[in-house]
Amino acid sequence: YRIEVTVEGPVVNGMVVDFDLLKTSLRDLLKGYDHKDLNTLIPYPSCENIATDLLANLKGRLPAGRLTVRVWEGEGKWAEAEG
């Protein structure tokens, strides 16, 4: 899988979100999925459900803003969740 995150919101102090905070938050979150049986984490681990789960967990780690999480399963195959 490949994960892509987009953040939208007002620019404050020259940025929407501190990139270091975004990168650190996403890396910490993904550690919980790395080398795990996704069936034990998500009842039905489709790309859509993985994207939704990542979005829900990432929202709690970042300041307010609109997030889009895209999960790539292969070339031209992806699902996204936004909120």
PDB file of N, CA and C in Angstrom:
ATOM      1  N   TYR A   1       0.830  -1.190   0.000  1.00  0.00           N
ATOM      2  CA  TYR A   1       0.000   0.000   0.000  1.00  0.00           C
ATOM      3  C   TYR A   1       0.871   1.249   0.000  1.00  0.00           C
ATOM      4  N   ARG A   2       0.319   2.307  -0.540  1.00  0.00           N
ATOM      5  CA  ARG A   2       0.939   3.627  -0.455  1.00  0.00           C
ATOM      6  C   ARG A   2      -0.126   4.581   0.072  1.00  0.00           C
ATOM      7  N   ILE A   3       0.264   5.439   0.990  1.00  0.00           N
ATOM      8  CA  ILE A   3      -0.678   6.356   1.633  1.00  0.00           C
ATOM      9  C   ILE A   3      -0.366   7.781   1.204  1.00  0.00           C
ATOM     10  N   GLU A   4      -1.394   8.515   0.835  1.00  0.00           N
ATOM     11  CA  GLU A   4      -1.269   9.919   0.447  1.00  0.00           C
ATOM     12  C   GLU A   4      -2.235  10.728   1.305  1.00  0.00           C
ATOM     13  N   VAL A   5      -1.746  11.804   1.895  1.00  0.00           N
ATOM     14  CA  VAL A   5      -2.582  12.642   2.757  1.00  0.00           C
ATOM     15  C   VAL A   5      -2.563  14.075   2.222  1.00  0.00           C
ATOM     16  N   THR A   6      -3.748  14.660   2.109  1.00  0.00           N
ATOM     17  CA  THR A   6      -3.892  16.061   1.704  1.00  0.00           C
ATOM     18  C   THR A   6      -4.573  16.802   2.846  1.00  0.00           C
ATOM     19  N   VAL A   7      -4.048  17.982   3.162  1.00  0.00           N
ATOM     20  CA  VAL A   7      -4.624  18.795   4.230  1.00  0.00           C
ATOM     21  C   VAL A   7      -5.051  20.132   3.630  1.00  0.00           C
ATOM     22  N   GLU A   8      -6.284  20.525   3.904  1.00  0.00           N
ATOM     23  CA  GLU A   8      -6.801  21.814   3.452  1.00  0.00           C
ATOM     24  C   GLU A   8      -7.243  22.622   4.663  1.00  0.00           C
ATOM     25  N   GLY A   9      -7.044  23.921   4.596  1.00  0.00           N
ATOM     26  CA  GLY A   9      -7.480  24.788   5.678  1.00  0.00           C
ATOM     27  C   GLY A   9      -6.879  26.164   5.511  1.00  0.00           C
ATOM     28  N   PRO A  10      -7.147  27.032   6.453  1.00  0.00           N
ATOM     29  CA  PRO A  10      -6.607  28.386   6.369  1.00  0.00           C
ATOM     30  C   PRO A  10      -5.090  28.384   6.616  1.00  0.00           C
ATOM     31  N   VAL A  11      -4.430  29.311   5.963  1.00  0.00           N
ATOM     32  CA  VAL A  11      -2.990  29.470   6.153  1.00  0.00           C
ATOM     33  C   VAL A  11      -2.765  30.305   7.410  1.00  0.00           C
ATOM     34  N   VAL A  12      -2.040  29.728   8.360  1.00  0.00           N
ATOM     35  CA  VAL A  12      -1.717  30.400   9.617  1.00  0.00           C
ATOM     36  C   VAL A  12      -0.203  30.372   9.764  1.00  0.00           C
ATOM     37  N   ASN A  13       0.385  31.524   9.966  1.00  0.00           N
ATOM     38  CA  ASN A  13       1.843  31.634  10.069  1.00  0.00           C
ATOM     39  C   ASN A  13       2.554  31.018   8.860  1.00  0.00           C
ATOM     40  N   GLY A  14       1.955  31.206   7.680  1.00  0.00           N
ATOM     41  CA  GLY A  14       2.592  30.773   6.443  1.00  0.00           C
ATOM     42  C   GLY A  14       2.366  29.324   6.051  1.00  0.00           C
ATOM     43  N   MET A  15       1.542  28.580   6.817  1.00  0.00           N
ATOM     44  CA  MET A  15       1.308  27.177   6.464  1.00  0.00           C
ATOM     45  C   MET A  15      -0.072  26.722   6.929  1.00  0.00           C
ATOM     46  N   VAL A  16      -0.568  25.679   6.280  1.00  0.00           N
ATOM     47  CA  VAL A  16      -1.847  25.085   6.682  1.00  0.00           C
ATOM     48  C   VAL A  16      -1.611  24.175   7.874  1.00  0.00           C
ATOM     49  N   VAL A  17      -0.557  23.366   7.792  1.00  0.00           N
ATOM     50  CA  VAL A  17      -0.165  22.487   8.889  1.00  0.00           C
ATOM     51  C   VAL A  17       1.357  22.362   8.838  1.00  0.00           C
ATOM     52  N   ASP A  18       1.962  22.279   9.974  1.00  0.00           N
ATOM     53  CA  ASP A  18       3.408  22.085  10.041  1.00  0.00           C
ATOM     54  C   ASP A  18       3.725  20.717   9.439  1.00  0.00           C
ATOM     55  N   PHE A  19       4.527  20.696   8.374  1.00  0.00           N
ATOM     56  CA  PHE A  19       4.832  19.457   7.679  1.00  0.00           C
ATOM     57  C   PHE A  19       5.487  18.442   8.603  1.00  0.00           C
ATOM     58  N   ASP A  20       6.313  18.911   9.528  1.00  0.00           N
ATOM     59  CA  ASP A  20       6.963  17.989  10.468  1.00  0.00           C
ATOM     60  C   ASP A  20       5.918  17.298  11.346  1.00  0.00           C
ATOM     61  N   LEU A  21       4.920  18.039  11.790  1.00  0.00           N
ATOM     62  CA  LEU A  21       3.842  17.461  12.588  1.00  0.00           C
ATOM     63  C   LEU A  21       3.058  16.443  11.767  1.00  0.00           C
ATOM     64  N   LEU A  22       2.746  16.770  10.522  1.00  0.00           N
ATOM     65  CA  LEU A  22       2.022  15.856   9.649  1.00  0.00           C
ATOM     66  C   LEU A  22       2.827  14.576   9.425  1.00  0.00           C
ATOM     67  N   LYS A  23       4.096  14.734   9.086  1.00  0.00           N
ATOM     68  CA  LYS A  23       4.957  13.582   8.811  1.00  0.00           C
ATOM     69  C   LYS A  23       5.122  12.703  10.050  1.00  0.00           C
ATOM     70  N   THR A  24       5.386  13.308  11.188  1.00  0.00           N
ATOM     71  CA  THR A  24       5.567  12.565  12.436  1.00  0.00           C
ATOM     72  C   THR A  24       4.273  11.852  12.840  1.00  0.00           C
ATOM     73  N   SER A  25       3.161  12.540  12.735  1.00  0.00           N
ATOM     74  CA  SER A  25       1.868  11.953  13.105  1.00  0.00           C
ATOM     75  C   SER A  25       1.536  10.766  12.218  1.00  0.00           C
ATOM     76  N   LEU A  26       1.755  10.914  10.917  1.00  0.00           N
ATOM     77  CA  LEU A  26       1.446   9.828   9.997  1.00  0.00           C
ATOM     78  C   LEU A  26       2.378   8.643  10.213  1.00  0.00           C
ATOM     79  N   ARG A  27       3.644   8.896  10.407  1.00  0.00           N
ATOM     80  CA  ARG A  27       4.597   7.797  10.647  1.00  0.00           C
ATOM     81  C   ARG A  27       4.263   7.047  11.929  1.00  0.00           C
ATOM     82  N   ASP A  28       3.946   7.779  12.993  1.00  0.00           N
ATOM     83  CA  ASP A  28       3.576   7.136  14.257  1.00  0.00           C
ATOM     84  C   ASP A  28       2.307   6.296  14.096  1.00  0.00           C
ATOM     85  N   LEU A  29       1.328   6.834  13.382  1.00  0.00           N
ATOM     86  CA  LEU A  29       0.086   6.114  13.149  1.00  0.00           C
ATOM     87  C   LEU A  29       0.335   4.846  12.336  1.00  0.00           C
ATOM     88  N   LEU A  30       1.136   4.943  11.294  1.00  0.00           N
ATOM     89  CA  LEU A  30       1.377   3.796  10.416  1.00  0.00           C
ATOM     90  C   LEU A  30       2.174   2.684  11.093  1.00  0.00           C
ATOM     91  N   LYS A  31       2.911   3.011  12.141  1.00  0.00           N
ATOM     92  CA  LYS A  31       3.629   1.967  12.886  1.00  0.00           C
ATOM     93  C   LYS A  31       2.658   0.932  13.435  1.00  0.00           C
ATOM     94  N   GLY A  32       1.460   1.354  13.767  1.00  0.00           N
ATOM     95  CA  GLY A  32       0.458   0.435  14.293  1.00  0.00           C
ATOM     96  C   GLY A  32      -0.102  -0.528  13.254  1.00  0.00           C
ATOM     97  N   TYR A  33       0.128  -0.238  11.973  1.00  0.00           N
ATOM     98  CA  TYR A  33      -0.357  -1.081  10.886  1.00  0.00           C
ATOM     99  C   TYR A  33       0.767  -1.935  10.278  1.00  0.00           C
ATOM    100  N   ASP A  34       1.993  -1.516  10.508  1.00  0.00           N
ATOM    101  CA  ASP A  34       3.148  -2.157   9.873  1.00  0.00           C
ATOM    102  C   ASP A  34       3.338  -3.593  10.358  1.00  0.00           C
ATOM    103  N   HIS A  35       3.465  -4.499   9.424  1.00  0.00           N
ATOM    104  CA  HIS A  35       3.688  -5.926   9.696  1.00  0.00           C
ATOM    105  C   HIS A  35       2.608  -6.519  10.597  1.00  0.00           C
ATOM    106  N   LYS A  36       1.383  -6.053  10.422  1.00  0.00           N
ATOM    107  CA  LYS A  36       0.254  -6.553  11.192  1.00  0.00           C
ATOM    108  C   LYS A  36      -0.738  -7.226  10.244  1.00  0.00           C
ATOM    109  N   ASP A  37      -1.480  -8.176  10.762  1.00  0.00           N
ATOM    110  CA  ASP A  37      -2.594  -8.755  10.024  1.00  0.00           C
ATOM    111  C   ASP A  37      -3.727  -7.740  10.096  1.00  0.00           C
ATOM    112  N   LEU A  38      -4.026  -7.094   8.980  1.00  0.00           N
ATOM    113  CA  LEU A  38      -5.028  -6.028   8.980  1.00  0.00           C
ATOM    114  C   LEU A  38      -6.409  -6.532   9.388  1.00  0.00           C
ATOM    115  N   ASN A  39      -6.659  -7.826   9.234  1.00  0.00           N
ATOM    116  CA  ASN A  39      -7.941  -8.393   9.665  1.00  0.00           C
ATOM    117  C   ASN A  39      -8.126  -8.299  11.176  1.00  0.00           C
ATOM    118  N   THR A  40      -7.033  -8.179  11.921  1.00  0.00           N
ATOM    119  CA  THR A  40      -7.144  -8.038  13.372  1.00  0.00           C
ATOM    120  C   THR A  40      -7.370  -6.580  13.779  1.00  0.00           C
ATOM    121  N   LEU A  41      -7.116  -5.651  12.848  1.00  0.00           N
ATOM    122  CA  LEU A  41      -7.272  -4.219  13.144  1.00  0.00           C
ATOM    123  C   LEU A  41      -8.576  -3.643  12.608  1.00  0.00           C
ATOM    124  N   ILE A  42      -8.990  -4.143  11.441  1.00  0.00           N
ATOM    125  CA  ILE A  42     -10.166  -3.615  10.749  1.00  0.00           C
ATOM    126  C   ILE A  42     -11.025  -4.811  10.346  1.00  0.00           C
ATOM    127  N   PRO A  43     -12.324  -4.819  10.687  1.00  0.00           N
ATOM    128  CA  PRO A  43     -13.162  -5.989  10.395  1.00  0.00           C
ATOM    129  C   PRO A  43     -13.094  -6.461   8.932  1.00  0.00           C
ATOM    130  N   TYR A  44     -13.127  -5.553   7.980  1.00  0.00           N
ATOM    131  CA  TYR A  44     -13.004  -5.903   6.563  1.00  0.00           C
ATOM    132  C   TYR A  44     -12.019  -4.916   5.942  1.00  0.00           C
ATOM    133  N   PRO A  45     -10.734  -5.276   5.853  1.00  0.00           N
ATOM    134  CA  PRO A  45      -9.701  -4.317   5.451  1.00  0.00           C
ATOM    135  C   PRO A  45      -9.614  -4.051   3.942  1.00  0.00           C
ATOM    136  N   SER A  46     -10.689  -3.503   3.390  1.00  0.00           N
ATOM    137  CA  SER A  46     -10.646  -3.049   1.998  1.00  0.00           C
ATOM    138  C   SER A  46      -9.899  -1.715   1.963  1.00  0.00           C
ATOM    139  N   CYS A  47      -9.504  -1.283   0.792  1.00  0.00           N
ATOM    140  CA  CYS A  47      -8.834   0.022   0.675  1.00  0.00           C
ATOM    141  C   CYS A  47      -9.713   1.136   1.237  1.00  0.00           C
ATOM    142  N   GLU A  48     -11.014   1.047   0.974  1.00  0.00           N
ATOM    143  CA  GLU A  48     -11.945   2.070   1.459  1.00  0.00           C
ATOM    144  C   GLU A  48     -11.967   2.096   2.983  1.00  0.00           C
ATOM    145  N   ASN A  49     -12.008   0.920   3.594  1.00  0.00           N
ATOM    146  CA  ASN A  49     -12.055   0.852   5.052  1.00  0.00           C
ATOM    147  C   ASN A  49     -10.717   1.221   5.691  1.00  0.00           C
ATOM    148  N   ILE A  50      -9.635   0.890   5.042  1.00  0.00           N
ATOM    149  CA  ILE A  50      -8.317   1.290   5.550  1.00  0.00           C
ATOM    150  C   ILE A  50      -8.207   2.814   5.507  1.00  0.00           C
ATOM    151  N   ALA A  51      -8.626   3.426   4.398  1.00  0.00           N
ATOM    152  CA  ALA A  51      -8.583   4.892   4.274  1.00  0.00           C
ATOM    153  C   ALA A  51      -9.443   5.550   5.344  1.00  0.00           C
ATOM    154  N   THR A  52     -10.633   5.009   5.581  1.00  0.00           N
ATOM    155  CA  THR A  52     -11.537   5.557   6.596  1.00  0.00           C
ATOM    156  C   THR A  52     -10.940   5.437   7.994  1.00  0.00           C
ATOM    157  N   ASP A  53     -10.334   4.295   8.288  1.00  0.00           N
ATOM    158  CA  ASP A  53      -9.716   4.074   9.588  1.00  0.00           C
ATOM    159  C   ASP A  53      -8.520   5.014   9.801  1.00  0.00           C
ATOM    160  N   LEU A  54      -7.689   5.137   8.773  1.00  0.00           N
ATOM    161  CA  LEU A  54      -6.540   6.046   8.875  1.00  0.00           C
ATOM    162  C   LEU A  54      -7.007   7.489   9.077  1.00  0.00           C
ATOM    163  N   LEU A  55      -8.024   7.895   8.345  1.00  0.00           N
ATOM    164  CA  LEU A  55      -8.553   9.256   8.480  1.00  0.00           C
ATOM    165  C   LEU A  55      -9.038   9.508   9.904  1.00  0.00           C
ATOM    166  N   ALA A  56      -9.816   8.588  10.448  1.00  0.00           N
ATOM    167  CA  ALA A  56     -10.345   8.761  11.808  1.00  0.00           C
ATOM    168  C   ALA A  56      -9.219   8.878  12.831  1.00  0.00           C
ATOM    169  N   ASN A  57      -8.181   8.065  12.669  1.00  0.00           N
ATOM    170  CA  ASN A  57      -7.067   8.102  13.619  1.00  0.00           C
ATOM    171  C   ASN A  57      -6.157   9.304  13.413  1.00  0.00           C
ATOM    172  N   LEU A  58      -6.019   9.758  12.192  1.00  0.00           N
ATOM    173  CA  LEU A  58      -5.152  10.903  11.917  1.00  0.00           C
ATOM    174  C   LEU A  58      -5.794  12.215  12.357  1.00  0.00           C
ATOM    175  N   LYS A  59      -7.118  12.304  12.261  1.00  0.00           N
ATOM    176  CA  LYS A  59      -7.819  13.532  12.661  1.00  0.00           C
ATOM    177  C   LYS A  59      -7.553  13.897  14.113  1.00  0.00           C
ATOM    178  N   GLY A  60      -7.419  12.920  14.972  1.00  0.00           N
ATOM    179  CA  GLY A  60      -7.173  13.173  16.382  1.00  0.00           C
ATOM    180  C   GLY A  60      -5.753  13.629  16.672  1.00  0.00           C
ATOM    181  N   ARG A  61      -4.870  13.502  15.695  1.00  0.00           N
ATOM    182  CA  ARG A  61      -3.463  13.846  15.900  1.00  0.00           C
ATOM    183  C   ARG A  61      -3.071  15.200  15.312  1.00  0.00           C
ATOM    184  N   LEU A  62      -3.949  15.768  14.490  1.00  0.00           N
ATOM    185  CA  LEU A  62      -3.628  17.021  13.808  1.00  0.00           C
ATOM    186  C   LEU A  62      -4.611  18.113  14.190  1.00  0.00           C
ATOM    187  N   PRO A  63      -4.178  19.369  14.084  1.00  0.00           N
ATOM    188  CA  PRO A  63      -5.113  20.473  14.337  1.00  0.00           C
ATOM    189  C   PRO A  63      -6.222  20.459  13.277  1.00  0.00           C
ATOM    190  N   ALA A  64      -7.258  21.202  13.530  1.00  0.00           N
ATOM    191  CA  ALA A  64      -8.415  21.224  12.633  1.00  0.00           C
ATOM    192  C   ALA A  64      -8.000  21.533  11.198  1.00  0.00           C
ATOM    193  N   GLY A  65      -8.711  20.975  10.289  1.00  0.00           N
ATOM    194  CA  GLY A  65      -8.488  21.149   8.862  1.00  0.00           C
ATOM    195  C   GLY A  65      -9.165  20.002   8.140  1.00  0.00           C
ATOM    196  N   ARG A  66      -9.363  20.146   6.869  1.00  0.00           N
ATOM    197  CA  ARG A  66      -9.999  19.087   6.077  1.00  0.00           C
ATOM    198  C   ARG A  66      -8.905  18.147   5.584  1.00  0.00           C
ATOM    199  N   LEU A  67      -9.046  16.870   5.907  1.00  0.00           N
ATOM    200  CA  LEU A  67      -8.069  15.861   5.515  1.00  0.00           C
ATOM    201  C   LEU A  67      -8.654  14.946   4.447  1.00  0.00           C
ATOM    202  N   THR A  68      -7.807  14.536   3.535  1.00  0.00           N
ATOM    203  CA  THR A  68      -8.138  13.494   2.575  1.00  0.00           C
ATOM    204  C   THR A  68      -7.041  12.453   2.670  1.00  0.00           C
ATOM    205  N   VAL A  69      -7.435  11.205   2.879  1.00  0.00           N
ATOM    206  CA  VAL A  69      -6.481  10.098   2.946  1.00  0.00           C
ATOM    207  C   VAL A  69      -6.760   9.191   1.759  1.00  0.00           C
ATOM    208  N   ARG A  70      -5.756   8.991   0.942  1.00  0.00           N
ATOM    209  CA  ARG A  70      -5.865   8.109  -0.218  1.00  0.00           C
ATOM    210  C   ARG A  70      -4.961   6.905   0.010  1.00  0.00           C
ATOM    211  N   VAL A  71      -5.519   5.720  -0.157  1.00  0.00           N
ATOM    212  CA  VAL A  71      -4.767   4.477  -0.008  1.00  0.00           C
ATOM    213  C   VAL A  71      -4.638   3.850  -1.399  1.00  0.00           C
ATOM    214  N   TRP A  72      -3.396   3.733  -1.845  1.00  0.00           N
ATOM    215  CA  TRP A  72      -3.103   3.132  -3.145  1.00  0.00           C
ATOM    216  C   TRP A  72      -2.827   1.653  -2.951  1.00  0.00           C
ATOM    217  N   GLU A  73      -3.495   0.839  -3.762  1.00  0.00           N
ATOM    218  CA  GLU A  73      -3.322  -0.604  -3.706  1.00  0.00           C
ATOM    219  C   GLU A  73      -2.464  -1.093  -4.870  1.00  0.00           C
ATOM    220  N   GLY A  74      -2.260  -0.244  -5.835  1.00  0.00           N
ATOM    221  CA  GLY A  74      -1.464  -0.568  -7.011  1.00  0.00           C
ATOM    222  C   GLY A  74      -1.607   0.566  -8.002  1.00  0.00           C
ATOM    223  N   GLU A  75      -0.988   0.420  -9.148  1.00  0.00           N
ATOM    224  CA  GLU A  75      -1.039   1.460 -10.182  1.00  0.00           C
ATOM    225  C   GLU A  75      -2.483   1.692 -10.623  1.00  0.00           C
ATOM    226  N   GLY A  76      -2.977   2.905 -10.380  1.00  0.00           N
ATOM    227  CA  GLY A  76      -4.323   3.275 -10.787  1.00  0.00           C
ATOM    228  C   GLY A  76      -5.436   2.701  -9.918  1.00  0.00           C
ATOM    229  N   LYS A  77      -5.091   2.071  -8.801  1.00  0.00           N
ATOM    230  CA  LYS A  77      -6.092   1.472  -7.907  1.00  0.00           C
ATOM    231  C   LYS A  77      -5.986   2.105  -6.535  1.00  0.00           C
ATOM    232  N   TRP A  78      -6.983   2.905  -6.165  1.00  0.00           N
ATOM    233  CA  TRP A  78      -6.951   3.590  -4.889  1.00  0.00           C
ATOM    234  C   TRP A  78      -8.366   3.867  -4.403  1.00  0.00           C
ATOM    235  N   ALA A  79      -8.441   4.167  -3.121  1.00  0.00           N
ATOM    236  CA  ALA A  79      -9.698   4.605  -2.504  1.00  0.00           C
ATOM    237  C   ALA A  79      -9.322   5.747  -1.556  1.00  0.00           C
ATOM    238  N   GLU A  80     -10.267   6.638  -1.337  1.00  0.00           N
ATOM    239  CA  GLU A  80      -9.986   7.757  -0.438  1.00  0.00           C
ATOM    240  C   GLU A  80     -11.145   8.031   0.480  1.00  0.00           C
ATOM    241  N   ALA A  81     -10.799   8.621   1.601  1.00  0.00           N
ATOM    242  CA  ALA A  81     -11.779   9.071   2.591  1.00  0.00           C
ATOM    243  C   ALA A  81     -11.440  10.520   2.905  1.00  0.00           C
ATOM    244  N   GLU A  82     -12.438  11.333   3.074  1.00  0.00           N
ATOM    245  CA  GLU A  82     -12.188  12.739   3.394  1.00  0.00           C
ATOM    246  C   GLU A  82     -13.126  13.223   4.467  1.00  0.00           C
ATOM    247  N   GLY A  83     -12.651  14.214   5.182  1.00  0.00           N
ATOM    248  CA  GLY A  83     -13.489  14.762   6.236  1.00  0.00           C
ATOM    249  C   GLY A  83     -12.729  15.726   7.093  1.00  0.00           C
TER     250      GLY A  83
END
